Protein backbone atom coordinates (compact mmCIF):
# COMPACT_ATOMS: atom_id res chain seq x y z
CA MET A 1 164.06 93.12 20.14
CA THR A 2 165.84 96.52 20.29
CA SER A 3 165.72 96.86 24.07
CA THR A 4 168.59 99.11 25.18
CA ARG A 5 169.18 97.17 28.39
CA LEU A 6 168.78 93.60 27.09
CA PRO A 7 168.47 93.34 23.29
CA GLY A 8 166.45 90.39 22.00
CA LYS A 9 165.18 89.58 25.49
CA VAL A 10 161.71 88.25 24.56
CA LEU A 11 163.18 85.55 22.30
CA MET A 12 166.02 84.54 24.60
CA GLU A 13 165.74 80.81 25.17
CA VAL A 14 165.29 78.65 28.25
CA LEU A 15 165.09 74.87 27.87
CA GLY A 16 165.22 75.37 24.09
CA ARG A 17 162.20 77.70 23.94
CA PRO A 18 161.91 81.51 23.70
CA LEU A 19 160.64 83.36 26.77
CA LEU A 20 157.72 84.69 24.74
CA SER A 21 156.42 81.16 24.23
CA TYR A 22 156.17 80.62 27.99
CA GLN A 23 154.15 83.81 28.32
CA ILE A 24 151.78 82.84 25.50
CA GLU A 25 151.36 79.35 26.94
CA ARG A 26 150.37 80.78 30.31
CA LEU A 27 148.04 83.42 28.85
CA ARG A 28 146.15 80.72 26.96
CA LEU A 29 145.12 79.34 30.37
CA SER A 30 143.17 82.53 31.14
CA ARG A 31 139.40 82.19 31.31
CA GLU A 32 138.72 85.88 30.62
CA ILE A 33 141.03 86.61 27.65
CA ASP A 34 139.37 85.88 24.29
CA LYS A 35 142.22 86.51 21.87
CA ILE A 36 145.92 87.30 21.98
CA ILE A 37 147.48 90.00 19.80
CA ILE A 38 151.20 90.73 19.62
CA ALA A 39 151.79 94.43 18.94
CA THR A 40 155.40 94.86 17.86
CA THR A 41 157.31 97.45 15.81
CA VAL A 42 157.93 97.83 12.10
CA ASN A 43 161.68 97.55 12.70
CA LYS A 44 163.45 94.84 10.71
CA GLU A 45 164.93 93.62 14.01
CA ASP A 46 161.41 92.59 15.08
CA ASP A 47 160.78 90.33 12.07
CA PRO A 48 161.58 87.27 14.24
CA ILE A 49 158.71 88.22 16.55
CA GLU A 50 156.27 88.27 13.64
CA ASN A 51 157.63 84.90 12.48
CA PHE A 52 157.09 83.52 15.99
CA ALA A 53 153.51 84.85 16.04
CA GLN A 54 152.73 83.19 12.71
CA GLN A 55 154.15 79.86 13.92
CA GLU A 56 152.00 80.08 17.06
CA ASN A 57 148.93 81.14 15.05
CA ILE A 58 148.71 84.47 16.92
CA ARG A 59 147.43 87.74 15.53
CA VAL A 60 150.10 90.38 15.07
CA TYR A 61 150.19 94.13 14.48
CA ARG A 62 153.30 96.14 13.61
CA GLY A 63 153.54 99.85 14.32
CA SER A 64 155.61 102.67 15.78
CA GLU A 65 158.61 101.86 17.97
CA ASN A 66 158.49 105.01 20.14
CA ASP A 67 154.78 105.92 20.01
CA VAL A 68 153.62 102.78 21.78
CA LEU A 69 150.24 104.38 22.53
CA ASP A 70 149.59 104.71 18.79
CA ARG A 71 150.72 101.12 18.26
CA TYR A 72 148.21 99.89 20.83
CA TYR A 73 145.41 102.04 19.48
CA GLN A 74 145.94 100.94 15.89
CA ALA A 75 146.16 97.28 16.92
CA ALA A 76 142.96 97.50 18.95
CA ARG A 77 141.16 99.28 16.12
CA GLN A 78 142.32 96.79 13.49
CA TYR A 79 141.15 93.81 15.56
CA GLN A 80 137.98 95.58 16.83
CA SER A 81 138.84 95.09 20.50
CA GLU A 82 136.23 96.39 22.93
CA HIS A 83 138.27 95.74 26.07
CA ILE A 84 142.06 95.56 26.06
CA VAL A 85 144.21 93.63 28.53
CA ARG A 86 147.71 95.11 28.35
CA ILE A 87 150.63 92.82 29.21
CA THR A 88 154.24 93.60 28.36
CA ALA A 89 156.31 90.91 26.64
CA ASP A 90 159.04 91.05 29.30
CA CYS A 91 156.79 89.16 31.77
CA PRO A 92 157.22 85.47 30.82
CA LEU A 93 155.97 84.26 34.23
CA ILE A 94 152.62 86.05 33.93
CA GLN A 95 149.87 84.53 36.11
CA PRO A 96 146.60 83.90 34.23
CA ASP A 97 144.63 83.65 37.48
CA ILE A 98 145.79 87.15 38.48
CA CYS A 99 144.89 88.46 35.02
CA ASP A 100 141.44 86.97 35.46
CA GLN A 101 141.14 88.58 38.90
CA VAL A 102 141.92 91.99 37.42
CA ALA A 103 139.51 91.39 34.53
CA ARG A 104 136.64 90.41 36.83
CA THR A 105 137.24 93.42 39.07
CA TYR A 106 137.26 95.67 36.00
CA ILE A 107 133.99 94.22 34.68
CA LYS A 108 132.23 94.16 38.05
CA SER A 109 133.25 97.73 38.91
CA ASP A 110 132.25 99.08 35.48
CA VAL A 111 135.27 101.36 35.27
CA ASP A 112 137.36 102.74 32.41
CA TYR A 113 140.66 101.36 33.64
CA ALA A 114 141.92 98.80 36.17
CA TYR A 115 145.51 98.26 37.24
CA MET A 116 147.43 96.31 39.85
CA SER A 117 148.87 97.53 43.14
CA ARG A 118 152.64 97.62 43.67
CA ARG A 119 152.09 94.92 46.30
CA PHE A 120 152.19 92.39 43.45
CA ALA A 121 155.57 91.12 42.32
CA GLU A 122 157.07 93.06 39.42
CA GLY A 123 156.67 91.06 36.24
CA LEU A 124 153.10 89.89 36.88
CA GLY A 125 151.45 93.12 35.84
CA CYS A 126 148.39 93.47 33.69
CA GLU A 127 146.00 96.37 33.22
CA ILE A 128 142.66 96.63 31.46
CA PHE A 129 140.87 99.50 29.71
CA ASN A 130 138.11 99.91 27.17
CA PHE A 131 138.57 101.09 23.61
CA SER A 132 136.96 104.49 24.13
CA THR A 133 139.39 105.19 26.99
CA LEU A 134 142.32 104.14 24.81
CA GLU A 135 141.04 106.30 21.96
CA ARG A 136 140.73 109.37 24.17
CA ALA A 137 144.26 108.88 25.48
CA TRP A 138 145.50 108.41 21.91
CA LYS A 139 143.89 111.68 20.83
CA GLU A 140 144.89 113.82 23.81
CA ALA A 141 148.25 112.57 25.13
CA ARG A 142 151.08 114.96 24.23
CA MET A 143 153.96 114.19 26.58
CA LYS A 144 156.66 111.84 25.33
CA SER A 145 156.30 109.63 28.41
CA GLU A 146 152.54 109.38 27.84
CA ARG A 147 153.08 108.21 24.26
CA GLU A 148 155.75 105.70 25.28
CA HIS A 149 153.82 104.26 28.26
CA VAL A 150 150.34 103.33 27.09
CA THR A 151 148.27 103.99 30.21
CA LEU A 152 150.23 106.85 31.78
CA TYR A 153 147.89 109.50 30.33
CA ILE A 154 144.91 107.69 31.87
CA ARG A 155 146.59 107.53 35.29
CA ASN A 156 147.64 111.17 34.99
CA HIS A 157 143.99 112.23 34.58
CA PRO A 158 141.84 110.49 37.21
CA ASP A 159 139.38 113.37 36.93
CA MET A 160 138.58 112.21 33.38
CA PHE A 161 138.46 108.44 33.86
CA GLN A 162 136.94 105.97 36.33
CA ILE A 163 139.93 104.06 37.73
CA ILE A 164 140.28 101.15 40.15
CA ARG A 165 143.38 99.59 41.67
CA VAL A 166 143.38 95.85 42.37
CA GLU A 167 145.07 95.01 45.67
CA ASN A 168 147.17 92.02 46.65
CA LYS A 169 146.58 90.48 50.09
CA ALA A 170 150.30 89.81 50.58
CA ASP A 171 153.08 92.29 49.94
CA ASP A 172 155.15 90.62 47.18
CA SER A 173 156.79 93.83 45.97
CA GLN A 174 160.27 92.52 46.82
CA TYR A 175 160.09 89.84 44.10
CA ARG A 176 161.24 90.81 40.62
CA LEU A 177 160.07 88.51 37.81
CA ALA A 178 160.29 90.89 34.83
CA VAL A 179 163.12 90.59 32.31
CA ASP A 180 164.85 93.91 31.62
CA GLU A 181 168.44 93.16 32.58
CA LYS A 182 170.82 90.20 32.27
CA GLU A 183 170.36 89.49 35.99
CA ASP A 184 166.58 89.32 35.46
CA PHE A 185 167.04 86.70 32.75
CA LEU A 186 169.21 84.60 35.04
CA VAL A 187 166.53 84.67 37.76
CA VAL A 188 163.72 83.73 35.37
CA LYS A 189 165.86 81.09 33.66
CA ALA A 190 166.65 79.42 36.98
CA THR A 191 162.98 79.59 37.99
CA ILE A 192 161.74 77.94 34.80
CA GLU A 193 164.48 75.30 34.81
CA ASN A 194 163.56 74.30 38.37
CA LEU A 195 159.75 74.56 38.22
CA TYR A 196 158.72 73.86 34.62
CA ILE A 197 158.05 70.22 33.77
CA GLY A 198 155.85 70.46 30.70
CA GLN A 199 152.79 72.09 29.17
CA ASP A 200 150.49 70.45 31.70
CA ASN A 201 152.58 71.85 34.56
CA TYR A 202 151.42 75.33 35.60
CA PHE A 203 153.43 76.75 38.48
CA THR A 204 151.93 79.60 40.47
CA VAL A 205 153.36 82.73 42.03
CA ASP A 206 153.41 80.92 45.37
CA ASP A 207 155.59 78.22 43.81
CA ILE A 208 157.92 80.93 42.49
CA LYS A 209 158.11 82.66 45.87
CA ARG A 210 158.93 79.40 47.64
CA PHE A 211 161.67 78.67 45.12
CA LEU A 212 163.27 82.11 45.46
CA ASP A 213 162.93 82.11 49.24
CA THR A 214 164.82 78.84 49.42
CA HIS A 215 167.44 79.96 46.89
CA PRO A 216 168.61 83.34 48.22
CA ILE A 217 171.60 83.50 45.88
CA ILE A 218 169.24 83.46 42.89
CA TYR A 219 166.81 85.89 44.57
CA GLU A 220 169.61 88.39 45.21
CA LEU A 221 170.77 88.44 41.58
CA ASN A 222 168.30 91.16 40.57
CA ALA A 223 167.22 92.52 43.96
CA HIS A 224 169.18 95.74 43.37
CA ILE A 225 167.33 96.74 40.18
CA ILE A 226 164.95 99.69 40.48
CA ARG A 227 161.28 98.95 39.88
CA ASN A 228 159.73 100.64 36.79
CA GLU A 229 163.14 101.92 35.74
CA GLY A 230 161.98 102.49 32.17
CA LEU A 231 159.11 104.69 33.34
CA LEU A 232 161.45 106.64 35.61
CA LYS A 233 163.74 107.38 32.65
CA SER A 234 160.81 108.54 30.51
CA LEU A 235 159.56 110.88 33.23
CA LYS A 236 163.03 112.29 33.72
CA ALA A 237 163.43 112.90 30.01
CA ASP A 238 160.09 114.68 29.67
CA THR A 239 160.37 118.27 28.55
CA ARG A 240 157.24 119.15 30.51
CA ARG A 241 158.03 121.00 33.70
CA ASN A 242 154.67 120.85 35.39
CA PRO A 243 153.89 118.00 37.78
CA VAL A 244 152.10 114.78 36.95
CA VAL A 245 149.11 114.17 39.22
CA LEU A 246 148.39 110.44 39.20
CA HIS A 247 145.81 110.06 41.96
CA THR A 248 142.85 111.92 43.42
CA ASP A 249 139.77 110.66 45.20
CA GLY A 250 137.36 112.35 42.78
CA LYS A 251 136.66 115.66 44.53
CA LYS A 252 139.46 116.41 46.94
CA PRO A 253 143.10 115.62 46.22
CA VAL A 254 144.99 113.77 48.95
CA VAL A 255 148.00 115.55 50.47
CA LEU A 256 150.62 113.95 52.72
CA VAL A 257 152.20 116.26 55.32
CA THR A 258 155.27 114.87 57.08
CA ALA A 259 157.02 115.73 60.37
CA VAL A 260 153.78 116.92 61.98
CA GLY A 261 155.35 116.69 65.43
CA ALA A 262 157.16 120.02 64.94
CA PRO A 263 155.72 123.49 64.22
CA PRO A 264 156.46 123.55 60.44
CA GLY A 265 154.51 120.34 59.82
CA LEU A 266 151.85 120.96 62.43
CA ASN A 267 151.06 124.45 61.07
CA THR A 268 150.95 123.11 57.52
CA LEU A 269 148.52 120.41 58.59
CA ARG A 270 146.38 122.91 60.48
CA PHE A 271 146.05 125.46 57.67
CA LEU A 272 145.43 122.84 54.97
CA HIS A 273 142.76 121.29 57.19
CA GLU A 274 141.12 124.68 57.77
CA SER A 275 140.99 125.35 54.02
CA GLY A 276 138.74 122.30 53.53
CA LYS A 277 140.19 121.77 50.04
CA TYR A 278 142.13 118.55 50.64
CA ARG A 279 142.02 115.13 52.19
CA LEU A 280 145.01 114.91 54.49
CA VAL A 281 147.41 112.24 55.63
CA ALA A 282 149.58 113.27 58.59
CA ALA A 283 152.85 111.40 59.20
CA ASP A 284 155.72 111.50 61.65
CA ALA A 285 158.50 109.21 62.84
CA ASP A 286 157.41 109.63 66.47
CA PRO A 287 154.26 107.59 67.18
CA LEU A 288 153.52 109.73 70.26
CA CYS A 289 153.70 113.17 68.66
CA THR A 290 150.46 115.08 69.17
CA GLY A 291 150.29 116.13 65.53
CA LEU A 292 149.22 112.59 64.65
CA TYR A 293 146.18 112.77 66.92
CA GLN A 294 145.15 116.42 67.07
CA PHE A 295 143.08 116.17 63.87
CA ALA A 296 142.42 112.41 63.87
CA GLY A 297 138.75 112.90 64.71
CA PHE A 298 138.30 115.39 61.86
CA GLY A 299 138.95 113.23 58.81
CA VAL A 300 142.76 113.31 58.86
CA THR A 301 144.46 109.94 58.38
CA CYS A 302 147.53 109.36 60.55
CA ALA A 303 150.61 107.26 59.82
CA VAL A 304 153.99 106.55 61.41
CA LEU A 305 156.99 106.60 59.05
CA PRO A 306 160.48 105.18 59.59
CA LYS A 307 163.18 107.77 60.16
CA ALA A 308 164.61 109.16 56.93
CA SER A 309 168.09 108.11 58.06
CA ASN A 310 167.02 104.65 56.88
CA SER A 311 166.28 105.90 53.38
CA ASP A 312 165.26 102.55 51.85
CA GLU A 313 162.68 101.79 54.53
CA TYR A 314 161.49 105.39 54.53
CA LEU A 315 160.93 105.41 50.75
CA LYS A 316 159.17 102.05 50.85
CA ALA A 317 156.83 103.35 53.53
CA VAL A 318 156.12 106.61 51.65
CA CYS A 319 155.39 104.75 48.40
CA GLY A 320 153.11 102.43 50.38
CA LEU A 321 151.16 105.41 51.72
CA ILE A 322 150.85 106.83 48.20
CA GLU A 323 149.37 103.54 46.99
CA GLU A 324 147.13 103.02 49.99
CA HIS A 325 145.63 106.51 50.20
CA ASN A 326 145.88 107.72 46.56
CA ILE A 327 148.17 110.57 47.63
CA SER A 328 148.72 113.23 44.98
CA ALA A 329 151.10 115.62 46.76
CA ILE A 330 153.71 115.45 49.51
CA ILE A 331 154.73 118.42 51.66
CA PRO A 332 157.82 117.43 53.66
CA CYS A 333 158.59 119.59 56.68
CA ILE A 334 161.97 118.41 57.96
CA GLU A 335 165.40 118.56 56.32
CA GLU A 336 166.30 114.88 56.53
CA GLU A 337 163.15 113.82 54.67
CA ILE A 338 163.46 116.64 52.15
CA LEU A 339 166.90 115.45 51.03
CA VAL A 340 165.77 111.83 50.67
CA LEU A 341 162.66 112.81 48.70
CA ALA A 342 164.63 115.13 46.41
CA GLN A 343 167.13 112.39 45.67
CA ASN A 344 164.28 110.01 44.79
CA CYS A 345 161.71 112.40 43.32
CA GLU A 346 161.29 110.40 40.10
CA LYS A 347 160.54 107.27 42.10
CA ILE A 348 157.96 109.22 44.12
CA LYS A 349 156.50 110.61 40.91
CA ALA A 350 156.26 107.15 39.35
CA SER A 351 154.44 105.96 42.48
CA GLY A 352 151.78 108.60 41.93
CA ALA A 353 152.66 111.75 43.88
CA ASN A 354 154.41 115.09 43.39
CA VAL A 355 156.81 116.88 45.68
CA LEU A 356 157.78 120.46 44.84
CA LEU A 357 161.50 120.76 45.60
CA PRO A 358 164.74 121.84 43.92
CA ASN A 359 166.84 119.01 42.53
CA TYR A 360 169.04 117.07 44.93
CA GLU A 361 172.34 118.75 44.02
CA VAL A 362 170.89 122.21 44.58
CA LEU A 363 169.38 121.10 47.87
CA ARG A 364 172.61 119.47 49.00
CA VAL A 365 174.39 122.82 48.73
CA ALA A 366 171.52 124.89 50.14
CA SER A 367 171.00 122.64 53.17
CA ASN A 368 174.71 122.51 53.96
CA LYS A 369 175.44 125.55 56.12
CA ALA A 370 179.10 125.60 55.13
CA LEU A 371 178.61 125.18 51.36
CA SER A 372 175.76 127.71 51.17
CA THR A 373 177.83 130.24 53.15
CA GLN A 374 180.71 129.72 50.71
CA VAL A 375 178.36 130.43 47.79
CA ALA A 376 177.19 133.61 49.52
CA GLY A 377 180.75 134.79 50.15
CA LYS A 378 181.88 134.13 46.57
CA ASN A 379 178.98 136.24 45.28
CA ASP A 380 179.58 139.23 47.59
CA ILE A 381 176.56 138.44 49.75
CA PRO A 382 177.35 139.36 53.37
CA CYS A 383 177.89 136.31 55.59
CA PRO A 384 179.91 135.30 58.68
CA LYS A 385 183.40 133.90 58.27
CA GLY A 386 183.65 130.17 58.79
CA VAL A 387 185.74 127.02 58.50
CA ILE A 388 184.78 123.35 58.00
CA ILE A 389 185.85 120.64 60.45
CA PRO A 390 185.73 117.20 58.78
CA LYS A 391 184.05 114.48 60.83
CA GLN A 392 186.13 112.34 63.19
CA CYS A 393 189.07 114.74 63.19
CA ASP A 394 191.60 114.00 65.93
CA THR A 395 192.72 116.59 68.48
CA TRP A 396 195.83 117.62 66.57
CA GLU A 397 193.96 118.16 63.28
CA VAL A 398 191.21 120.17 64.96
CA SER A 399 193.73 122.36 66.78
CA LYS A 400 195.62 123.16 63.59
CA ILE A 401 192.44 124.08 61.69
CA LEU A 402 191.08 126.29 64.48
CA GLU A 403 194.42 127.96 65.24
CA SER A 404 194.63 128.95 61.59
CA PHE A 405 191.01 130.19 61.63
CA ALA A 406 191.72 132.27 64.77
CA LYS A 407 194.22 134.33 62.77
CA THR A 408 191.41 135.68 60.56
CA CYS A 409 188.39 135.53 62.89
CA SER A 410 188.39 136.43 66.57
CA LEU A 411 186.47 134.50 69.24
CA PRO A 412 183.74 133.78 70.26
CA TRP A 413 182.56 131.33 67.59
CA ILE A 414 179.47 129.28 66.86
CA VAL A 415 180.04 125.54 66.29
CA LYS A 416 177.23 123.82 64.38
CA PRO A 417 176.61 120.71 62.24
CA VAL A 418 176.69 121.46 58.51
CA TYR A 419 173.26 119.79 58.30
CA GLY A 420 170.64 120.36 60.98
CA HIS A 421 167.78 122.51 62.21
CA GLY A 422 166.91 124.55 65.28
CA MET A 423 169.58 124.59 67.98
CA ILE A 424 170.34 120.87 67.79
CA GLY A 425 174.08 120.30 68.11
CA ILE A 426 174.96 124.02 68.23
CA THR A 427 177.57 125.27 70.71
CA GLU A 428 178.80 128.77 71.50
CA ALA A 429 182.58 128.65 72.06
CA ALA A 430 184.11 131.59 73.92
CA THR A 431 187.63 130.10 73.96
CA LEU A 432 189.79 128.09 71.59
CA ASP A 433 189.85 125.17 74.04
CA LYS A 434 186.06 125.03 74.18
CA ALA A 435 185.85 125.15 70.39
CA CYS A 436 188.35 122.29 70.15
CA GLN A 437 186.38 120.23 72.66
CA ALA A 438 183.18 120.78 70.66
CA CYS A 439 184.85 119.59 67.44
CA GLU A 440 187.00 116.66 68.55
CA SER A 441 185.90 113.25 67.22
CA ALA A 442 182.58 114.64 66.00
CA GLU A 443 180.50 112.03 64.16
CA THR A 444 179.37 114.58 61.62
CA GLU A 445 180.97 117.40 59.65
CA LEU A 446 180.95 120.69 61.57
CA PHE A 447 181.04 124.36 60.64
CA VAL A 448 182.82 126.79 62.96
CA GLN A 449 181.41 130.23 62.28
CA GLU A 450 182.04 133.80 63.30
CA TYR A 451 179.75 134.95 66.12
CA ILE A 452 177.59 137.92 65.18
CA PRO A 453 176.80 140.08 68.22
CA GLY A 454 173.34 141.45 68.70
CA LYS A 455 170.09 140.90 70.51
CA VAL A 456 167.47 138.31 69.62
CA GLY A 457 165.58 140.95 67.64
CA SER A 458 168.44 141.04 65.14
CA MET A 459 167.20 137.83 63.47
CA HIS A 460 165.14 138.24 60.29
CA LEU A 461 163.51 135.78 57.92
CA VAL A 462 162.58 135.90 54.26
CA GLY A 463 160.02 133.34 53.07
CA LEU A 464 159.70 132.67 49.34
CA LEU A 465 157.60 130.28 47.27
CA TYR A 466 158.70 129.24 43.77
CA ASP A 467 156.55 127.48 41.16
CA TRP A 468 157.53 124.54 38.93
CA ASP A 469 159.18 126.90 36.43
CA GLY A 470 161.38 128.52 39.08
CA ARG A 471 159.41 131.77 39.33
CA VAL A 472 158.84 133.48 42.67
CA VAL A 473 155.09 133.59 43.26
CA CYS A 474 154.99 134.63 46.94
CA ARG A 475 157.24 136.80 49.13
CA PHE A 476 157.23 137.44 52.88
CA SER A 477 159.62 138.92 55.45
CA SER A 478 159.58 139.23 59.22
CA ARG A 479 161.67 139.92 62.31
CA SER A 480 161.70 137.65 65.36
CA PHE A 481 161.91 139.38 68.74
CA ARG A 482 161.83 136.28 70.93
CA THR A 483 163.36 132.83 70.43
CA LEU A 484 163.13 129.56 72.30
CA TYR A 485 166.70 129.93 73.62
CA PRO A 486 168.62 133.07 74.65
CA THR A 487 171.15 132.40 71.88
CA GLY A 488 168.54 131.78 69.16
CA GLY A 489 166.66 128.75 67.87
CA PRO A 490 163.00 128.59 66.82
CA ALA A 491 161.20 131.94 66.98
CA THR A 492 158.39 132.19 69.53
CA ALA A 493 157.42 135.78 68.73
CA GLY A 494 157.76 137.84 65.58
CA ILE A 495 156.37 140.67 63.50
CA SER A 496 155.77 141.00 59.76
CA ILE A 497 157.92 143.74 58.26
CA HIS A 498 158.51 144.85 54.67
CA LEU A 499 162.18 144.37 53.71
CA PRO A 500 162.25 144.63 49.90
CA GLU A 501 166.06 144.93 49.66
CA LEU A 502 166.57 141.85 51.82
CA ILE A 503 164.01 139.93 49.75
CA THR A 504 165.91 140.86 46.58
CA GLN A 505 169.18 139.76 48.18
CA THR A 506 167.57 136.45 49.18
CA GLU A 507 166.39 135.80 45.64
CA ARG A 508 169.89 136.54 44.36
CA LEU A 509 171.43 134.10 46.84
CA LEU A 510 169.08 131.31 45.80
CA SER A 511 169.74 131.96 42.11
CA CYS A 512 173.48 131.66 42.82
CA ILE A 513 172.93 128.27 44.44
CA GLY A 514 170.82 126.91 41.58
CA SER A 515 167.35 126.63 40.08
CA TRP A 516 164.88 126.75 42.97
CA LYS A 517 161.41 125.21 43.25
CA GLY A 518 159.04 125.12 46.20
CA PRO A 519 159.40 126.93 49.54
CA ALA A 520 162.50 128.59 50.94
CA ALA A 521 162.90 130.03 54.43
CA VAL A 522 166.14 132.02 54.60
CA GLU A 523 167.44 133.45 57.87
CA TRP A 524 169.49 136.63 58.16
CA MET A 525 171.01 138.43 61.14
CA LEU A 526 171.47 142.19 61.33
CA ASP A 527 175.08 142.82 62.31
CA PRO A 528 175.26 145.90 64.58
CA ARG A 529 178.95 146.34 63.73
CA ASP A 530 178.31 147.37 60.12
CA GLY A 531 174.49 147.51 59.86
CA ARG A 532 174.35 144.80 57.18
CA PHE A 533 172.22 141.68 57.06
CA LYS A 534 174.44 138.56 57.25
CA TYR A 535 173.31 135.26 55.76
CA ILE A 536 172.74 132.48 58.33
CA GLU A 537 170.96 129.51 56.71
CA ILE A 538 168.45 128.22 54.16
CA ASN A 539 165.59 125.81 54.85
CA ALA A 540 163.83 124.25 51.85
CA ARG A 541 160.52 124.06 53.68
CA LEU A 542 157.90 126.16 55.38
CA TRP A 543 159.21 127.61 58.62
CA GLY A 544 158.02 127.16 62.21
CA TYR A 545 156.16 130.42 62.61
CA SER A 546 154.75 130.54 59.07
CA SER A 547 151.38 131.13 60.73
CA LEU A 548 152.49 134.77 60.91
CA ALA A 549 152.60 134.91 57.11
CA VAL A 550 149.08 133.45 56.87
CA CYS A 551 147.73 135.97 59.37
CA ALA A 552 149.41 138.73 57.37
CA GLY A 553 147.67 137.57 54.16
CA SER A 554 150.17 135.18 52.53
CA ARG A 555 148.64 131.69 52.43
CA PHE A 556 151.94 129.85 51.90
CA HIS A 557 150.68 126.41 52.96
CA GLU A 558 147.62 126.40 50.72
CA TRP A 559 149.49 127.84 47.75
CA LEU A 560 152.29 125.28 48.15
CA ALA A 561 149.73 122.45 48.14
CA ASP A 562 148.02 123.86 45.06
CA LEU A 563 151.30 124.30 43.16
CA THR A 564 152.43 120.80 44.08
CA LEU A 565 149.14 119.45 42.72
CA GLY A 566 149.65 121.33 39.45
CA ASN A 567 147.01 123.95 40.17
CA GLY A 568 147.62 127.62 39.72
CA PRO A 569 148.74 130.19 39.02
CA VAL A 570 149.13 131.72 42.49
CA HIS A 571 148.08 135.37 42.84
CA ASP A 572 149.95 136.89 45.79
CA PRO A 573 148.22 140.06 47.02
CA GLY A 574 151.19 140.92 49.26
CA PHE A 575 151.23 140.87 53.05
CA ARG A 576 150.31 143.30 55.81
CA GLU A 577 153.09 144.84 57.86
CA GLY A 578 152.92 144.96 61.65
CA VAL A 579 151.11 141.68 62.31
CA VAL A 580 152.47 140.05 65.48
CA MET A 581 152.74 136.36 66.30
CA MET A 582 153.35 134.97 69.79
CA ARG A 583 153.61 131.19 70.08
CA THR A 584 151.76 129.47 72.91
CA THR A 585 151.35 125.86 73.92
CA HIS A 586 148.15 124.01 74.68
CA ASP A 587 147.30 120.55 75.93
CA VAL A 588 145.70 117.89 73.73
CA LEU A 589 143.35 115.69 75.75
CA PHE A 590 141.75 112.33 74.87
CA GLN A 591 138.97 110.50 76.71
CA THR A 592 140.61 107.21 75.71
CA CYS A 593 144.21 106.58 74.66
CA PRO A 594 144.44 106.77 70.83
CA PHE A 595 147.68 104.77 70.61
CA ASP A 596 149.32 101.69 72.09
CA LEU A 597 150.78 102.90 75.39
CA ASN A 598 153.51 100.30 75.62
CA ILE A 599 155.33 101.62 78.71
């Protein structure tokens, strides 16, 4: 009754009856449920629920408001329950046939815990566990979220419990039938008023779907509400810093590596595969990238994801992969996906996987070449001069900005997008006119930056790996002496070199930007004019030629996977200086075409 989002929701009335009565009526149709127990709180505000239970001749237990796990355990112990079917009271349209399906799967599979896939509509959920499993969770769960959400401890420890997920043939995840918000109540109210005739009238989930599909205005009322929002808030509020691992396949955890069509993702996939420690899912937005097929015959599952620019579709697809393959960790290897995942990390975590990244606000600054350069300059870290050109500036505005910049920084300049990677969208402007042409009517924000003279060998990289507590656990530095383009871009040859002062400067820069977690690849250029390293950019991922670090003794990819999974600590032995990497290409050949060649 004390719900923060919709107080008194379970006793709100439709057609003169409380919502809870509809749920009880439907549960009594189940063939597998022997008895119904209402487990409510000792709060005075919940007295009406106990009164309702007595009127309906239903057993009731009253316990802790916040320690829901204890409330469930004490209720089950008092009523000597051997197997417990957990259903939340905010699901008035519960489907007894689905509950029976879950119960039969649980019994047939002889597991400790059974739960439903996200492919079911929200608001139809039930989960089943035995008393000994509940008792173990009650004794061992310590996190606030694990005490508030009854089965979270069980799902967080698949190594300790036998778990099965019940699948839905159709994907009904877009339907929301739970009652947490006022809009939810309006949807359920309209559904009952249109479909409920009397106690002998049981309407199914298919009836509900047909009704909502033919009444889009009602369907849209609660379509914007985030699924499992209460769980997301609990996870966010947890004081625990370490990750929550929700899924493994028993022996090897499942790791998703994204953007495997480019060297950062492809190298990550290769080294994790060589370690033999993980089951791997390789994903990319390009269905023809070779990274999806290079390891397909060696136990690696391949998947095509939508582009991260469509964040809603991308997240839906990622959460679907987590569900389908029991993914425990995600290692994203391209900036666009990293930003989307960081912004939605709690949703990813609630789906069952971890991703080791800084928070979104820190990443937003670090990934923005202009903002990160400003942070460096304000903290006396050497960096090129620069000026921001807002997107879609007209000719006059661009000219005024660049003419003013020319008074403090002589040509030539480098014009680049504030977000990006490699040499995509980068222009070298030797004249003011060329710089203006590069900036006029740009569809994205640009950064015009001082050109640092020097040969390709002036570019240096510092690679760092931070754990969940923000501690640096691995350090590496190198110099590239060949790049893909004469003006720079991805390194194609490099050498490991000890640069302790530059590593220290890199750590200071990241600390100025914010609390860092996960990998960081920071590029610096040695300016021959003053002999100082100038900051260029930060990438919150493993870098393209990270294979050099592995060959030199720093197993970044494997350590990142282990940290993301909650394993550790990492013991970095240091790296060998003088190891050389030269990138080559090779052909990938197939006897038969592994994809649909629709050309």
